[in-house]
PDB file of N, CA and C in Angstrom:
ATOM      1  N   UNK A   1     100.432 122.321 111.422  1.00  0.00           N
ATOM      2  CA  UNK A   1      99.782 121.269 110.961  1.00  0.00           C
ATOM      3  C   UNK A   1      99.927 120.950 109.420  1.00  0.00           C
ATOM      4  N   UNK A   2      99.757 122.238 108.761  1.00  0.00           N
ATOM      5  CA  UNK A   2      99.515 122.407 107.492  1.00  0.00           C
ATOM      6  C   UNK A   2     101.052 121.789 106.596  1.00  0.00           C
ATOM      7  N   UNK A   3     102.025 122.183 107.330  1.00  0.00           N
ATOM      8  CA  UNK A   3     103.339 121.641 106.566  1.00  0.00           C
ATOM      9  C   UNK A   3     103.657 120.250 106.758  1.00  0.00           C
ATOM     10  N   UNK A   4     102.961 119.844 107.859  1.00  0.00           N
ATOM     11  CA  UNK A   4     103.054 118.251 107.891  1.00  0.00           C
ATOM     12  C   UNK A   4     102.230 117.580 106.758  1.00  0.00           C
ATOM     13  N   UNK A   5     100.932 118.254 106.646  1.00  0.00           N
ATOM     14  CA  UNK A   5     100.318 117.368 105.608  1.00  0.00           C
ATOM     15  C   UNK A   5     100.964 117.613 104.251  1.00  0.00           C
ATOM     16  N   UNK A   6     101.525 118.653 104.033  1.00  0.00           N
ATOM     17  CA  UNK A   6     102.252 118.896 102.884  1.00  0.00           C
ATOM     18  C   UNK A   6     103.152 118.035 102.598  1.00  0.00           C
ATOM     19  N   UNK A   7     104.145 117.764 103.562  1.00  0.00           N
ATOM     20  CA  UNK A   7     105.190 116.857 103.737  1.00  0.00           C
ATOM     21  C   UNK A   7     104.818 115.387 103.420  1.00  0.00           C
ATOM     22  N   UNK A   8     103.734 115.009 104.102  1.00  0.00           N
ATOM     23  CA  UNK A   8     103.114 113.736 103.744  1.00  0.00           C
ATOM     24  C   UNK A   8     102.612 113.602 102.350  1.00  0.00           C
ATOM     25  N   UNK A   9     101.937 114.578 101.743  1.00  0.00           N
ATOM     26  CA  UNK A   9     101.613 114.243 100.618  1.00  0.00           C
ATOM     27  C   UNK A   9     102.769 114.386  99.501  1.00  0.00           C
ATOM     28  N   UNK A  10     103.947 115.186  99.766  1.00  0.00           N
ATOM     29  CA  UNK A  10     105.105 115.113  98.781  1.00  0.00           C
ATOM     30  C   UNK A  10     105.703 113.564  99.072  1.00  0.00           C
ATOM     31  N   UNK A  11     105.642 112.987 100.132  1.00  0.00           N
ATOM     32  CA  UNK A  11     106.472 111.941 100.493  1.00  0.00           C
ATOM     33  C   UNK A  11     105.545 110.699  99.871  1.00  0.00           C
ATOM     34  N   UNK A  12     104.294 110.829  99.981  1.00  0.00           N
ATOM     35  CA  UNK A  12     103.328 110.149  99.127  1.00  0.00           C
ATOM     36  C   UNK A  12     103.361 110.140  97.917  1.00  0.00           C
ATOM     37  N   UNK A  13     103.552 110.971  97.096  1.00  0.00           N
ATOM     38  CA  UNK A  13     103.877 111.181  95.910  1.00  0.00           C
ATOM     39  C   UNK A  13     105.314 110.761  95.521  1.00  0.00           C
ATOM     40  N   UNK A  14     106.304 111.035  96.298  1.00  0.00           N
ATOM     41  CA  UNK A  14     107.579 110.294  96.165  1.00  0.00           C
ATOM     42  C   UNK A  14     107.654 109.108  95.895  1.00  0.00           C
ATOM     43  N   UNK A  15     106.747 108.223  97.014  1.00  0.00           N
ATOM     44  CA  UNK A  15     106.537 106.982  96.916  1.00  0.00           C
ATOM     45  C   UNK A  15     105.853 106.310  95.916  1.00  0.00           C
ATOM     46  N   UNK A  16     105.042 106.937  95.629  1.00  0.00           N
ATOM     47  CA  UNK A  16     104.160 106.543  94.134  1.00  0.00           C
ATOM     48  C   UNK A  16     105.318 106.497  93.257  1.00  0.00           C
ATOM     49  N   UNK A  17     105.735 107.743  93.072  1.00  0.00           N
ATOM     50  CA  UNK A  17     106.477 107.898  91.809  1.00  0.00           C
ATOM     51  C   UNK A  17     107.544 106.893  91.705  1.00  0.00           C
ATOM     52  N   UNK A  18     108.273 106.399  92.987  1.00  0.00           N
ATOM     53  CA  UNK A  18     109.210 105.502  93.092  1.00  0.00           C
ATOM     54  C   UNK A  18     108.651 104.064  92.925  1.00  0.00           C
ATOM     55  N   UNK A  19     107.658 103.739  92.886  1.00  0.00           N
ATOM     56  CA  UNK A  19     106.942 102.360  92.458  1.00  0.00           C
ATOM     57  C   UNK A  19     106.608 102.458  90.974  1.00  0.00           C
ATOM     58  N   UNK A  20     106.078 103.602  90.478  1.00  0.00           N
ATOM     59  CA  UNK A  20     105.753 103.769  89.139  1.00  0.00           C
ATOM     60  C   UNK A  20     107.275 103.409  88.589  1.00  0.00           C
ATOM     61  N   UNK A  21     108.214 103.967  88.855  1.00  0.00           N
ATOM     62  CA  UNK A  21     109.435 104.061  88.004  1.00  0.00           C
ATOM     63  C   UNK A  21     110.408 102.526  88.467  1.00  0.00           C
ATOM     64  N   UNK A  22     109.974 102.116  89.350  1.00  0.00           N
ATOM     65  CA  UNK A  22     110.407 100.586  89.778  1.00  0.00           C
ATOM     66  C   UNK A  22     109.848  99.522  88.788  1.00  0.00           C
ATOM     67  N   UNK A  23     108.462  99.973  88.833  1.00  0.00           N
ATOM     68  CA  UNK A  23     107.865  98.895  87.803  1.00  0.00           C
ATOM     69  C   UNK A  23     107.994  99.211  86.369  1.00  0.00           C
ATOM     70  N   UNK A  24     108.344 100.429  86.170  1.00  0.00           N
ATOM     71  CA  UNK A  24     108.806 100.599  84.587  1.00  0.00           C
ATOM     72  C   UNK A  24     110.146 100.184  84.385  1.00  0.00           C
ATOM     73  N   UNK A  25     111.004 100.213  85.346  1.00  0.00           N
ATOM     74  CA  UNK A  25     112.390  99.629  85.274  1.00  0.00           C
ATOM     75  C   UNK A  25     112.214  98.178  85.205  1.00  0.00           C
ATOM     76  N   UNK A  26     111.705  97.567  86.030  1.00  0.00           N
ATOM     77  CA  UNK A  26     111.350  96.061  85.648  1.00  0.00           C
ATOM     78  C   UNK A  26     110.873  95.583  84.186  1.00  0.00           C
ATOM     79  N   UNK A  27     109.956  96.324  83.770  1.00  0.00           N
ATOM     80  CA  UNK A  27     109.323  96.252  82.277  1.00  0.00           C
ATOM     81  C   UNK A  27     110.534  96.063  81.214  1.00  0.00           C
ATOM     82  N   UNK A  28     111.103  97.383  81.629  1.00  0.00           N
ATOM     83  CA  UNK A  28     112.361  97.776  80.544  1.00  0.00           C
ATOM     84  C   UNK A  28     113.309  96.562  80.566  1.00  0.00           C
ATOM     85  N   UNK A  29     113.643  96.158  81.714  1.00  0.00           N
ATOM     86  CA  UNK A  29     114.713  95.069  81.882  1.00  0.00           C
ATOM     87  C   UNK A  29     114.336  93.651  81.134  1.00  0.00           C
ATOM     88  N   UNK A  30     112.981  93.428  81.476  1.00  0.00           N
ATOM     89  CA  UNK A  30     112.175  92.206  80.790  1.00  0.00           C
ATOM     90  C   UNK A  30     112.610  92.608  79.527  1.00  0.00           C
ATOM     91  N   UNK A  31     112.156  93.660  78.690  1.00  0.00           N
ATOM     92  CA  UNK A  31     112.117  93.929  77.157  1.00  0.00           C
ATOM     93  C   UNK A  31     113.698  93.560  76.994  1.00  0.00           C
ATOM     94  N   UNK A  32     114.533  94.403  77.709  1.00  0.00           N
ATOM     95  CA  UNK A  32     115.974  94.031  77.181  1.00  0.00           C
ATOM     96  C   UNK A  32     116.328  92.631  77.314  1.00  0.00           C
ATOM     97  N   UNK A  33     115.969  92.046  78.259  1.00  0.00           N
ATOM     98  CA  UNK A  33     116.162  90.516  78.284  1.00  0.00           C
ATOM     99  C   UNK A  33     115.604  89.789  76.989  1.00  0.00           C
ATOM    100  N   UNK A  34     114.474  90.046  76.798  1.00  0.00           N
ATOM    101  CA  UNK A  34     113.739  89.389  75.617  1.00  0.00           C
ATOM    102  C   UNK A  34     114.649  89.936  74.382  1.00  0.00           C
ATOM    103  N   UNK A  35     115.186  90.906  74.089  1.00  0.00           N
ATOM    104  CA  UNK A  35     115.760  91.655  73.141  1.00  0.00           C
ATOM    105  C   UNK A  35     116.964  90.988  72.898  1.00  0.00           C
ATOM    106  N   UNK A  36     117.683  90.796  74.000  1.00  0.00           N
ATOM    107  CA  UNK A  36     118.993  89.821  73.889  1.00  0.00           C
ATOM    108  C   UNK A  36     118.887  88.645  73.622  1.00  0.00           C
ATOM    109  N   UNK A  37     117.742  87.871  74.127  1.00  0.00           N
ATOM    110  CA  UNK A  37     117.378  86.582  73.595  1.00  0.00           C
ATOM    111  C   UNK A  37     117.163  86.171  72.251  1.00  0.00           C
ATOM    112  N   UNK A  38     116.357  87.400  71.712  1.00  0.00           N
ATOM    113  CA  UNK A  38     116.017  87.293  70.136  1.00  0.00           C
ATOM    114  C   UNK A  38     117.614  87.674  69.426  1.00  0.00           C
ATOM    115  N   UNK A  39     118.140  88.692  69.882  1.00  0.00           N
ATOM    116  CA  UNK A  39     119.640  88.657  69.360  1.00  0.00           C
ATOM    117  C   UNK A  39     120.465  87.477  69.042  1.00  0.00           C
ATOM    118  N   UNK A  40     120.485  86.472  70.322  1.00  0.00           N
ATOM    119  CA  UNK A  40     121.090  85.405  70.363  1.00  0.00           C
ATOM    120  C   UNK A  40     120.598  84.414  69.320  1.00  0.00           C
ATOM    121  N   UNK A  41     119.099  84.280  69.367  1.00  0.00           N
ATOM    122  CA  UNK A  41     118.595  83.516  68.611  1.00  0.00           C
ATOM    123  C   UNK A  41     118.641  83.984  67.152  1.00  0.00           C
ATOM    124  N   UNK A  42     118.855  85.290  66.815  1.00  0.00           N
ATOM    125  CA  UNK A  42     119.174  85.356  65.239  1.00  0.00           C
ATOM    126  C   UNK A  42     120.383  85.260  65.008  1.00  0.00           C
ATOM    127  N   UNK A  43     121.419  85.370  65.863  1.00  0.00           N
ATOM    128  CA  UNK A  43     122.730  84.999  65.864  1.00  0.00           C
ATOM    129  C   UNK A  43     123.213  83.557  65.438  1.00  0.00           C
ATOM    130  N   UNK A  44     122.394  83.055  66.181  1.00  0.00           N
ATOM    131  CA  UNK A  44     122.614  81.304  65.795  1.00  0.00           C
ATOM    132  C   UNK A  44     122.035  80.993  64.376  1.00  0.00           C
ATOM    133  N   UNK A  45     120.864  81.732  63.932  1.00  0.00           N
ATOM    134  CA  UNK A  45     120.166  81.438  62.794  1.00  0.00           C
ATOM    135  C   UNK A  45     121.067  81.803  61.754  1.00  0.00           C
ATOM    136  N   UNK A  46     121.730  83.035  61.921  1.00  0.00           N
ATOM    137  CA  UNK A  46     122.553  83.855  60.921  1.00  0.00           C
ATOM    138  C   UNK A  46     123.772  82.810  60.559  1.00  0.00           C
ATOM    139  N   UNK A  47     124.206  82.162  61.932  1.00  0.00           N
ATOM    140  CA  UNK A  47     125.554  81.430  61.919  1.00  0.00           C
ATOM    141  C   UNK A  47     125.234  79.837  60.800  1.00  0.00           C
ATOM    142  N   UNK A  48     123.566  79.585  61.352  1.00  0.00           N
ATOM    143  CA  UNK A  48     123.310  78.140  60.532  1.00  0.00           C
ATOM    144  C   UNK A  48     123.191  78.523  58.907  1.00  0.00           C
ATOM    145  N   UNK A  49     122.762  79.804  58.677  1.00  0.00           N
ATOM    146  CA  UNK A  49     122.461  80.020  57.166  1.00  0.00           C
ATOM    147  C   UNK A  49     123.804  80.237  56.469  1.00  0.00           C
ATOM    148  N   UNK A  50     124.831  80.727  57.450  1.00  0.00           N
ATOM    149  CA  UNK A  50     126.007  80.850  56.765  1.00  0.00           C
ATOM    150  C   UNK A  50     126.754  79.567  56.323  1.00  0.00           C
ATOM    151  N   UNK A  51     126.420  78.591  57.309  1.00  0.00           N
ATOM    152  CA  UNK A  51     126.928  77.219  57.343  1.00  0.00           C
ATOM    153  C   UNK A  51     126.191  76.790  56.062  1.00  0.00           C
ATOM    154  N   UNK A  52     125.006  76.748  56.050  1.00  0.00           N
ATOM    155  CA  UNK A  52     124.124  76.317  54.608  1.00  0.00           C
ATOM    156  C   UNK A  52     124.876  76.753  53.582  1.00  0.00           C
ATOM    157  N   UNK A  53     125.003  78.190  53.677  1.00  0.00           N
ATOM    158  CA  UNK A  53     125.413  78.846  52.278  1.00  0.00           C
ATOM    159  C   UNK A  53     126.667  78.192  51.948  1.00  0.00           C
ATOM    160  N   UNK A  54     127.423  78.271  52.790  1.00  0.00           N
ATOM    161  CA  UNK A  54     128.873  77.915  52.229  1.00  0.00           C
ATOM    162  C   UNK A  54     128.867  76.134  52.017  1.00  0.00           C
ATOM    163  N   UNK A  55     128.096  75.358  52.683  1.00  0.00           N
ATOM    164  CA  UNK A  55     127.873  73.930  52.058  1.00  0.00           C
ATOM    165  C   UNK A  55     127.072  74.035  50.462  1.00  0.00           C
ATOM    166  N   UNK A  56     126.409  74.810  50.441  1.00  0.00           N
ATOM    167  CA  UNK A  56     125.601  74.694  49.015  1.00  0.00           C
ATOM    168  C   UNK A  56     126.795  75.332  48.032  1.00  0.00           C
ATOM    169  N   UNK A  57     127.438  76.234  48.537  1.00  0.00           N
ATOM    170  CA  UNK A  57     128.400  76.999  47.543  1.00  0.00           C
ATOM    171  C   UNK A  57     129.506  75.767  47.211  1.00  0.00           C
ATOM    172  N   UNK A  58     129.966  75.083  48.381  1.00  0.00           N
ATOM    173  CA  UNK A  58     131.094  73.931  47.836  1.00  0.00           C
ATOM    174  C   UNK A  58     130.248  72.975  46.980  1.00  0.00           C
ATOM    175  N   UNK A  59     129.266  72.526  47.133  1.00  0.00           N
ATOM    176  CA  UNK A  59     128.391  71.724  46.488  1.00  0.00           C
ATOM    177  C   UNK A  59     128.161  71.988  45.002  1.00  0.00           C
ATOM    178  N   UNK A  60     128.022  73.384  44.873  1.00  0.00           N
ATOM    179  CA  UNK A  60     127.850  74.026  43.508  1.00  0.00           C
ATOM    180  C   UNK A  60     129.190  73.863  42.703  1.00  0.00           C
ATOM    181  N   UNK A  61     129.978  74.241  43.556  1.00  0.00           N
ATOM    182  CA  UNK A  61     131.718  74.619  43.089  1.00  0.00           C
ATOM    183  C   UNK A  61     131.951  72.975  42.487  1.00  0.00           C
ATOM    184  N   UNK A  62     131.614  71.800  43.307  1.00  0.00           N
ATOM    185  CA  UNK A  62     131.785  70.619  43.006  1.00  0.00           C
ATOM    186  C   UNK A  62     131.299  70.132  41.821  1.00  0.00           C
ATOM    187  N   UNK A  63     129.864  70.574  41.427  1.00  0.00           N
ATOM    188  CA  UNK A  63     129.048  70.218  40.326  1.00  0.00           C
ATOM    189  C   UNK A  63     129.942  70.949  39.185  1.00  0.00           C
ATOM    190  N   UNK A  64     130.036  72.231  39.331  1.00  0.00           N
ATOM    191  CA  UNK A  64     130.812  72.835  38.148  1.00  0.00           C
ATOM    192  C   UNK A  64     131.902  72.201  37.800  1.00  0.00           C
ATOM    193  N   UNK A  65     132.871  71.822  38.644  1.00  0.00           N
ATOM    194  CA  UNK A  65     134.048  71.221  38.173  1.00  0.00           C
ATOM    195  C   UNK A  65     133.557  70.011  37.688  1.00  0.00           C
ATOM    196  N   UNK A  66     132.765  69.112  38.023  1.00  0.00           N
ATOM    197  CA  UNK A  66     132.307  67.762  37.321  1.00  0.00           C
ATOM    198  C   UNK A  66     131.953  68.153  35.958  1.00  0.00           C
ATOM    199  N   UNK A  67     130.993  69.137  35.619  1.00  0.00           N
ATOM    200  CA  UNK A  67     130.591  69.199  34.525  1.00  0.00           C
ATOM    201  C   UNK A  67     131.711  69.952  33.504  1.00  0.00           C
ATOM    202  N   UNK A  68     132.556  70.701  34.180  1.00  0.00           N
ATOM    203  CA  UNK A  68     133.804  71.121  33.348  1.00  0.00           C
ATOM    204  C   UNK A  68     134.539  69.775  32.788  1.00  0.00           C
ATOM    205  N   UNK A  69     134.548  69.007  33.804  1.00  0.00           N
ATOM    206  CA  UNK A  69     135.621  67.536  33.497  1.00  0.00           C
ATOM    207  C   UNK A  69     134.859  66.951  32.198  1.00  0.00           C
ATOM    208  N   UNK A  70     133.442  66.904  32.339  1.00  0.00           N
ATOM    209  CA  UNK A  70     132.683  66.153  31.627  1.00  0.00           C
ATOM    210  C   UNK A  70     132.625  66.846  30.204  1.00  0.00           C
ATOM    211  N   UNK A  71     132.523  68.187  30.027  1.00  0.00           N
ATOM    212  CA  UNK A  71     132.407  68.763  28.960  1.00  0.00           C
ATOM    213  C   UNK A  71     134.070  68.759  28.176  1.00  0.00           C
ATOM    214  N   UNK A  72     134.901  68.642  28.997  1.00  0.00           N
ATOM    215  CA  UNK A  72     136.208  68.599  28.614  1.00  0.00           C
ATOM    216  C   UNK A  72     136.473  67.137  28.059  1.00  0.00           C
ATOM    217  N   UNK A  73     135.977  66.072  28.720  1.00  0.00           N
ATOM    218  CA  UNK A  73     136.083  64.940  28.203  1.00  0.00           C
ATOM    219  C   UNK A  73     135.237  64.551  27.144  1.00  0.00           C
ATOM    220  N   UNK A  74     134.038  65.129  27.175  1.00  0.00           N
ATOM    221  CA  UNK A  74     133.154  65.031  25.599  1.00  0.00           C
ATOM    222  C   UNK A  74     134.040  65.586  24.441  1.00  0.00           C
ATOM    223  N   UNK A  75     134.543  66.855  24.876  1.00  0.00           N
ATOM    224  CA  UNK A  75     135.316  67.590  23.911  1.00  0.00           C
ATOM    225  C   UNK A  75     136.384  66.630  23.084  1.00  0.00           C
ATOM    226  N   UNK A  76     137.162  66.035  24.057  1.00  0.00           N
ATOM    227  CA  UNK A  76     138.005  65.199  23.791  1.00  0.00           C
ATOM    228  C   UNK A  76     137.679  63.970  22.913  1.00  0.00           C
ATOM    229  N   UNK A  77     136.842  63.332  23.326  1.00  0.00           N
ATOM    230  CA  UNK A  77     135.933  62.219  22.628  1.00  0.00           C
ATOM    231  C   UNK A  77     135.697  62.677  21.210  1.00  0.00           C
ATOM    232  N   UNK A  78     134.930  63.917  21.249  1.00  0.00           N
ATOM    233  CA  UNK A  78     134.652  64.419  19.724  1.00  0.00           C
ATOM    234  C   UNK A  78     135.733  64.374  18.871  1.00  0.00           C
ATOM    235  N   UNK A  79     137.127  64.756  19.330  1.00  0.00           N
ATOM    236  CA  UNK A  79     138.152  65.191  18.605  1.00  0.00           C
ATOM    237  C   UNK A  79     138.748  64.052  17.991  1.00  0.00           C
ATOM    238  N   UNK A  80     138.704  62.905  19.044  1.00  0.00           N
ATOM    239  CA  UNK A  80     138.848  61.246  18.750  1.00  0.00           C
ATOM    240  C   UNK A  80     138.166  60.951  17.626  1.00  0.00           C
ATOM    241  N   UNK A  81     136.877  60.756  17.792  1.00  0.00           N
ATOM    242  CA  UNK A  81     135.744  60.551  16.680  1.00  0.00           C
ATOM    243  C   UNK A  81     136.169  61.158  15.410  1.00  0.00           C
ATOM    244  N   UNK A  82     136.422  62.510  15.370  1.00  0.00           N
ATOM    245  CA  UNK A  82     136.868  63.379  14.157  1.00  0.00           C
ATOM    246  C   UNK A  82     137.824  62.702  13.517  1.00  0.00           C
ATOM    247  N   UNK A  83     139.273  62.393  14.395  1.00  0.00           N
ATOM    248  CA  UNK A  83     140.223  61.836  13.788  1.00  0.00           C
ATOM    249  C   UNK A  83     140.137  60.421  13.194  1.00  0.00           C
ATOM    250  N   UNK A  84     139.148  59.720  13.588  1.00  0.00           N
ATOM    251  CA  UNK A  84     139.068  58.445  13.240  1.00  0.00           C
ATOM    252  C   UNK A  84     138.174  58.363  12.302  1.00  0.00           C
ATOM    253  N   UNK A  85     137.089  59.263  12.033  1.00  0.00           N
ATOM    254  CA  UNK A  85     136.335  59.600  10.743  1.00  0.00           C
ATOM    255  C   UNK A  85     137.184  59.891   9.645  1.00  0.00           C
ATOM    256  N   UNK A  86     138.087  60.920  10.024  1.00  0.00           N
ATOM    257  CA  UNK A  86     138.881  61.418   8.676  1.00  0.00           C
ATOM    258  C   UNK A  86     139.834  60.508   8.554  1.00  0.00           C
ATOM    259  N   UNK A  87     140.172  59.512   8.919  1.00  0.00           N
ATOM    260  CA  UNK A  87     141.359  58.403   8.755  1.00  0.00           C
ATOM    261  C   UNK A  87     140.607  57.237   7.908  1.00  0.00           C
ATOM    262  N   UNK A  88     139.115  57.396   7.972  1.00  0.00           N
ATOM    263  CA  UNK A  88     138.285  56.269   7.185  1.00  0.00           C
ATOM    264  C   UNK A  88     138.209  56.861   5.876  1.00  0.00           C
TER     265      UNK A  88
END
């Protein structure tokens, strides 16, 4: 009889361990799912930030080009005015 009781205890322990491991497994898979969703969210956010950065970079480049053209035009105008003044 003692062997049967020992066997029952071992089986009960194994069943309880299995339940605990199954619960832990579910929790870990849930965490993995959450982390994967977070990764996807961060990747989308990164992509959006990269697009925004590229947009601002193009805008700044356009602005710099306009400023350079303006300065070039202003310098040309000064040269014309200097020539006109020296002719008078």
